[in-house]
Amino acid sequence: MQLEFYKYQGTGNDFIILDGWENQFELSTSTISNLCDRRFGVGADGLMIIKKHLHYDFEMLYFNADGLAGSMCGNGGRCLVQFAYNRGYIGVQSNFIATDGEHNAIIDLNRNWISLQMGDVDEVKLREGGDCFVNTGSPHIVRWVNNADKVDVVAEGKFIRNSIEFKQYGTNVNFVEVVNSKMFVRTFERGVEDETLSCGTGVTASVLATAATNKINNNISGCKVITLGGELFVKFERKEKAFVNIWLEGPAKFVFKGFIDIL
């Protein structure tokens, strides 16, 4: 079978997108994993399928690079919004449903900028040793470091991800360096089992955890975040221990379209 696909990236976090608006896709775990393989396939951090929905502008189906169904992906969501707009399925404002619930999105055509509303976060959990755990649609450990560029993200992230506590379901691990009101974040992603150039839910989790622990100005309502793949911006409102009206903002770009034969 010949498969038509589209490649998009958001600050270096790259995705294969399949158009399921009219077509039905039944892809096995091994097929998705092979498509995401960077040496023997197209190569991507994950794969998404866009589908029609009766009550929303579209539905987002997300799969990790290992071929398994994934939780929410922030950069993936922004890329899928751009894809849906490029295909003429939505306007500059839209709402869609993903595995973690409803999301709103706004496209700024002048800046090529996608703003994606994330789910509310009830609590940032402080862990023994000073790390935090935050679920922003995907589970994240946030750890603060002094020199993020020198951290062995793969070794340390893999150790935490495969610890007894997280081995069964996994967790993403973020290493965060705070410089004045800006942040530098590097992320080890479960399902990819490697460091990615950027992680939208990880960046969001890192900003919220840093705000909750007062490592940035307690009065701010947004923060610029530098990743290996580029810059993102996270806006939020605090409501006691909770965070609401959370927006992940940044670029999402079409890379190329192609065809591949799959068995």
Protein backbone atom coordinates (compact mmCIF):
# COMPACT_ATOMS: atom_id res chain seq x y z
CA MET A 1 0.00 0.00 0.00
CA GLN A 2 1.26 3.45 -0.87
CA LEU A 3 0.86 5.98 1.93
CA GLU A 4 0.71 9.74 1.41
CA PHE A 5 2.19 11.65 4.33
CA TYR A 6 3.12 15.17 5.39
CA LYS A 7 6.07 16.20 7.53
CA TYR A 8 5.77 19.14 9.97
CA GLN A 9 7.97 20.45 12.75
CA GLY A 10 7.53 22.77 15.72
CA THR A 11 10.85 24.05 17.11
CA GLY A 12 12.55 20.90 15.87
CA ASN A 13 9.98 18.51 17.32
CA ASP A 14 9.02 16.73 14.08
CA PHE A 15 5.97 14.71 13.10
CA ILE A 16 4.52 12.59 10.34
CA ILE A 17 0.92 13.64 9.65
CA LEU A 18 -1.64 11.46 7.88
CA ASP A 19 -4.85 12.98 6.52
CA GLY A 20 -7.71 10.91 7.85
CA TRP A 21 -10.40 13.44 6.87
CA GLU A 22 -11.79 11.10 4.24
CA ASN A 23 -9.52 8.07 4.61
CA GLN A 24 -9.40 5.44 7.33
CA PHE A 25 -6.01 4.27 8.56
CA GLU A 26 -5.37 0.99 10.35
CA LEU A 27 -1.64 1.02 11.01
CA SER A 28 0.08 -1.50 13.24
CA THR A 29 2.43 -0.52 16.03
CA SER A 30 5.38 -1.86 14.05
CA THR A 31 4.36 0.09 10.93
CA ILE A 32 4.17 3.37 12.85
CA SER A 33 7.49 2.64 14.55
CA ASN A 34 9.11 1.88 11.19
CA LEU A 35 7.74 5.08 9.66
CA CYS A 36 9.20 7.12 12.54
CA ASP A 37 12.59 5.39 12.31
CA ARG A 38 15.21 7.95 11.24
CA ARG A 39 17.34 5.44 9.35
CA PHE A 40 14.85 3.08 7.75
CA GLY A 41 11.70 5.21 7.56
CA VAL A 42 10.58 8.79 7.14
CA GLY A 43 11.92 9.77 10.56
CA ALA A 44 9.95 11.62 13.24
CA ASP A 45 9.37 12.05 16.97
CA GLY A 46 5.77 10.92 16.49
CA LEU A 47 2.93 10.33 14.06
CA MET A 48 -0.48 12.03 13.99
CA ILE A 49 -3.75 11.36 12.19
CA ILE A 50 -6.33 14.11 11.77
CA LYS A 51 -9.97 12.99 11.72
CA LYS A 52 -13.37 14.63 11.33
CA HIS A 53 -15.43 15.02 14.50
CA LEU A 54 -19.12 15.71 15.00
CA HIS A 55 -18.69 18.20 17.84
CA TYR A 56 -15.24 19.70 17.23
CA ASP A 57 -13.37 21.09 14.26
CA PHE A 58 -11.25 17.94 14.21
CA GLU A 59 -9.85 15.08 16.27
CA MET A 60 -6.15 14.54 16.94
CA LEU A 61 -4.79 11.00 17.17
CA TYR A 62 -1.20 10.84 18.36
CA PHE A 63 1.30 7.98 18.37
CA ASN A 64 4.78 8.00 19.87
CA ALA A 65 7.82 7.07 17.80
CA ASP A 66 7.70 3.58 19.34
CA GLY A 67 4.35 3.07 17.60
CA LEU A 68 2.21 3.11 20.73
CA ALA A 69 -0.71 5.48 21.27
CA GLY A 70 0.59 8.55 23.08
CA SER A 71 -0.77 11.13 25.46
CA MET A 72 -1.06 14.83 24.57
CA CYS A 73 1.70 16.40 22.50
CA GLY A 74 1.83 20.21 22.61
CA ASN A 75 4.11 20.81 19.64
CA GLY A 76 2.25 18.10 17.75
CA GLY A 77 -1.05 19.83 18.46
CA ARG A 78 0.29 23.12 17.12
CA CYS A 79 1.59 21.39 13.98
CA LEU A 80 -1.73 19.66 13.42
CA VAL A 81 -3.55 22.99 13.69
CA GLN A 82 -1.25 24.43 11.03
CA PHE A 83 -1.81 21.36 8.85
CA ALA A 84 -5.60 21.61 9.23
CA TYR A 85 -5.46 25.28 8.23
CA ASN A 86 -3.21 24.56 5.25
CA ARG A 87 -5.67 21.90 4.07
CA GLY A 88 -8.60 24.28 4.39
CA TYR A 89 -10.30 22.33 7.19
CA ILE A 90 -10.30 25.18 9.72
CA GLY A 91 -9.96 28.95 9.96
CA VAL A 92 -7.55 30.91 12.12
CA GLN A 93 -9.51 29.95 15.24
CA SER A 94 -10.43 26.36 16.01
CA ASN A 95 -11.12 23.83 18.69
CA PHE A 96 -10.27 20.15 18.61
CA ILE A 97 -10.37 17.06 20.78
CA ALA A 98 -7.29 15.07 21.82
CA THR A 99 -6.65 12.28 24.28
CA ASP A 100 -6.56 14.71 27.23
CA GLY A 101 -9.69 16.65 26.24
CA GLU A 102 -10.64 19.82 24.38
CA HIS A 103 -8.16 22.39 23.06
CA ASN A 104 -8.58 25.81 21.49
CA ALA A 105 -6.11 27.24 19.00
CA ILE A 106 -5.40 30.57 17.32
CA ILE A 107 -3.20 31.13 14.26
CA ASP A 108 -1.39 34.46 13.86
CA LEU A 109 -0.79 34.57 10.11
CA ASN A 110 1.46 37.65 10.33
CA ARG A 111 3.94 35.92 12.62
CA ASN A 112 3.38 32.31 11.50
CA TRP A 113 2.62 31.68 15.17
CA ILE A 114 0.32 29.07 16.68
CA SER A 115 -1.20 29.55 20.15
CA LEU A 116 -2.59 26.36 21.69
CA GLN A 117 -4.64 26.33 24.87
CA MET A 118 -3.55 23.52 27.14
CA GLY A 119 -5.58 21.79 29.83
CA ASP A 120 -5.77 23.26 33.34
CA VAL A 121 -3.30 21.94 35.90
CA ASP A 122 -4.73 21.39 39.36
CA GLU A 123 -1.44 21.00 41.18
CA VAL A 124 2.33 20.96 40.79
CA LYS A 125 3.63 18.20 43.06
CA LEU A 126 6.91 18.84 44.86
CA ARG A 127 8.92 15.63 45.24
CA GLU A 128 11.53 14.59 47.75
CA GLY A 129 14.87 15.93 46.57
CA GLY A 130 13.43 19.08 45.01
CA ASP A 131 12.09 17.86 41.66
CA CYS A 132 8.47 18.43 40.64
CA PHE A 133 5.91 16.26 38.92
CA VAL A 134 3.39 17.94 36.60
CA ASN A 135 0.82 16.47 34.24
CA THR A 136 0.19 18.82 31.31
CA GLY A 137 -1.64 16.23 29.25
CA SER A 138 1.51 14.11 29.49
CA PRO A 139 3.45 13.26 32.68
CA HIS A 140 6.61 15.25 33.38
CA ILE A 141 9.39 15.36 35.92
CA VAL A 142 10.98 18.81 36.17
CA ARG A 143 14.52 19.09 37.53
CA TRP A 144 16.46 22.36 37.84
CA VAL A 145 20.15 22.44 36.93
CA ASN A 146 22.84 25.10 36.73
CA ASN A 147 24.28 24.21 33.33
CA ALA A 148 21.63 22.54 31.20
CA ASP A 149 23.94 22.40 28.19
CA LYS A 150 26.28 20.06 30.08
CA VAL A 151 23.65 17.61 31.35
CA ASP A 152 23.72 14.07 29.94
CA VAL A 153 20.00 14.23 29.19
CA VAL A 154 19.77 10.75 27.67
CA ALA A 155 21.54 8.95 30.53
CA GLU A 156 19.86 10.87 33.36
CA GLY A 157 16.47 10.97 31.67
CA LYS A 158 16.54 7.26 30.92
CA PHE A 159 17.48 6.47 34.52
CA ILE A 160 14.48 8.38 35.89
CA ARG A 161 12.09 7.15 33.21
CA ASN A 162 13.03 3.51 33.91
CA SER A 163 13.04 3.80 37.70
CA ILE A 164 10.67 1.56 39.66
CA GLU A 165 8.20 4.43 40.09
CA PHE A 166 7.85 5.20 36.38
CA LYS A 167 8.94 2.03 34.56
CA GLN A 168 5.43 0.75 33.79
CA TYR A 169 3.88 3.89 32.34
CA GLY A 170 6.93 6.07 31.83
CA THR A 171 7.48 9.76 32.31
CA ASN A 172 9.14 12.58 30.41
CA VAL A 173 12.06 14.29 32.14
CA ASN A 174 12.93 17.98 31.81
CA PHE A 175 16.18 19.64 32.81
CA VAL A 176 15.65 23.35 33.36
CA GLU A 177 18.07 26.25 33.72
CA VAL A 178 16.59 29.58 34.81
CA VAL A 179 18.34 32.77 33.72
CA ASN A 180 16.56 35.91 34.92
CA SER A 181 13.02 35.63 33.49
CA LYS A 182 13.98 33.23 30.70
CA MET A 183 14.35 29.47 30.78
CA PHE A 184 16.41 26.90 28.89
CA VAL A 185 14.77 23.48 28.79
CA ARG A 186 16.03 20.11 27.55
CA THR A 187 13.71 17.11 27.54
CA PHE A 188 14.00 13.32 27.49
CA GLU A 189 10.77 11.97 25.97
CA ARG A 190 9.24 8.61 26.71
CA GLY A 191 8.10 6.81 23.56
CA VAL A 192 11.01 8.38 21.71
CA GLU A 193 13.35 7.17 24.47
CA ASP A 194 15.78 9.92 23.63
CA GLU A 195 16.25 13.67 23.90
CA THR A 196 14.14 15.69 21.46
CA LEU A 197 14.92 19.18 20.22
CA SER A 198 11.78 20.48 21.92
CA CYS A 199 8.77 19.20 23.85
CA GLY A 200 5.64 21.37 24.13
CA THR A 201 4.05 19.68 27.15
CA GLY A 202 7.51 19.56 28.76
CA VAL A 203 8.12 23.26 28.24
CA THR A 204 4.67 23.96 29.68
CA ALA A 205 5.32 21.74 32.68
CA SER A 206 8.71 23.38 33.26
CA VAL A 207 7.26 26.89 33.27
CA LEU A 208 4.43 25.98 35.64
CA ALA A 209 6.74 24.12 38.03
CA THR A 210 9.23 26.98 38.01
CA ALA A 211 6.45 29.46 38.77
CA ALA A 212 4.95 27.23 41.48
CA THR A 213 8.29 26.99 43.28
CA ASN A 214 8.92 30.74 42.97
CA LYS A 215 12.09 30.33 40.92
CA ILE A 216 10.84 33.08 38.62
CA ASN A 217 9.03 36.30 39.47
CA ASN A 218 5.81 35.34 41.23
CA ASN A 219 3.88 38.09 39.43
CA ILE A 220 4.62 37.06 35.86
CA SER A 221 1.93 35.52 33.68
CA GLY A 222 4.17 34.24 30.90
CA CYS A 223 7.68 33.09 30.16
CA LYS A 224 9.93 32.72 27.11
CA VAL A 225 11.56 29.30 26.87
CA ILE A 226 14.62 28.41 24.83
CA THR A 227 14.90 24.84 23.55
CA LEU A 228 17.49 23.24 21.30
CA GLY A 229 15.05 23.66 18.40
CA GLY A 230 13.99 27.26 19.00
CA GLU A 231 11.89 29.50 21.23
CA LEU A 232 8.46 28.91 22.70
CA PHE A 233 6.28 31.02 24.99
CA VAL A 234 3.98 29.86 27.76
CA LYS A 235 1.22 32.05 29.25
CA PHE A 236 -0.86 31.17 32.29
CA GLU A 237 -3.02 32.38 35.16
CA ARG A 238 -2.52 31.27 38.76
CA LYS A 239 -5.50 30.24 40.87
CA GLU A 240 -4.17 29.31 44.31
CA LYS A 241 -2.26 26.04 43.68
CA ALA A 242 -3.80 25.56 40.25
CA PHE A 243 -2.88 26.98 36.84
CA VAL A 244 -5.59 27.89 34.32
CA ASN A 245 -5.87 29.53 30.91
CA ILE A 246 -2.55 28.01 29.89
CA TRP A 247 -1.33 28.74 26.37
CA LEU A 248 1.64 27.21 24.54
CA GLU A 249 2.81 29.46 21.71
CA GLY A 250 5.35 29.13 18.94
CA PRO A 251 5.98 28.33 15.26
CA ALA A 252 4.76 25.26 13.38
CA LYS A 253 6.08 24.67 9.87
CA PHE A 254 5.44 22.42 6.89
CA VAL A 255 8.62 20.56 5.87
CA PHE A 256 7.68 18.30 2.97
CA LYS A 257 5.10 15.93 1.51
CA GLY A 258 5.87 12.44 0.31
CA PHE A 259 4.75 8.92 -0.51
CA ILE A 260 6.02 5.67 0.95
CA ASP A 261 5.16 2.05 0.26
CA ILE A 262 4.26 0.06 3.35
CA LEU A 263 3.68 -3.68 3.60
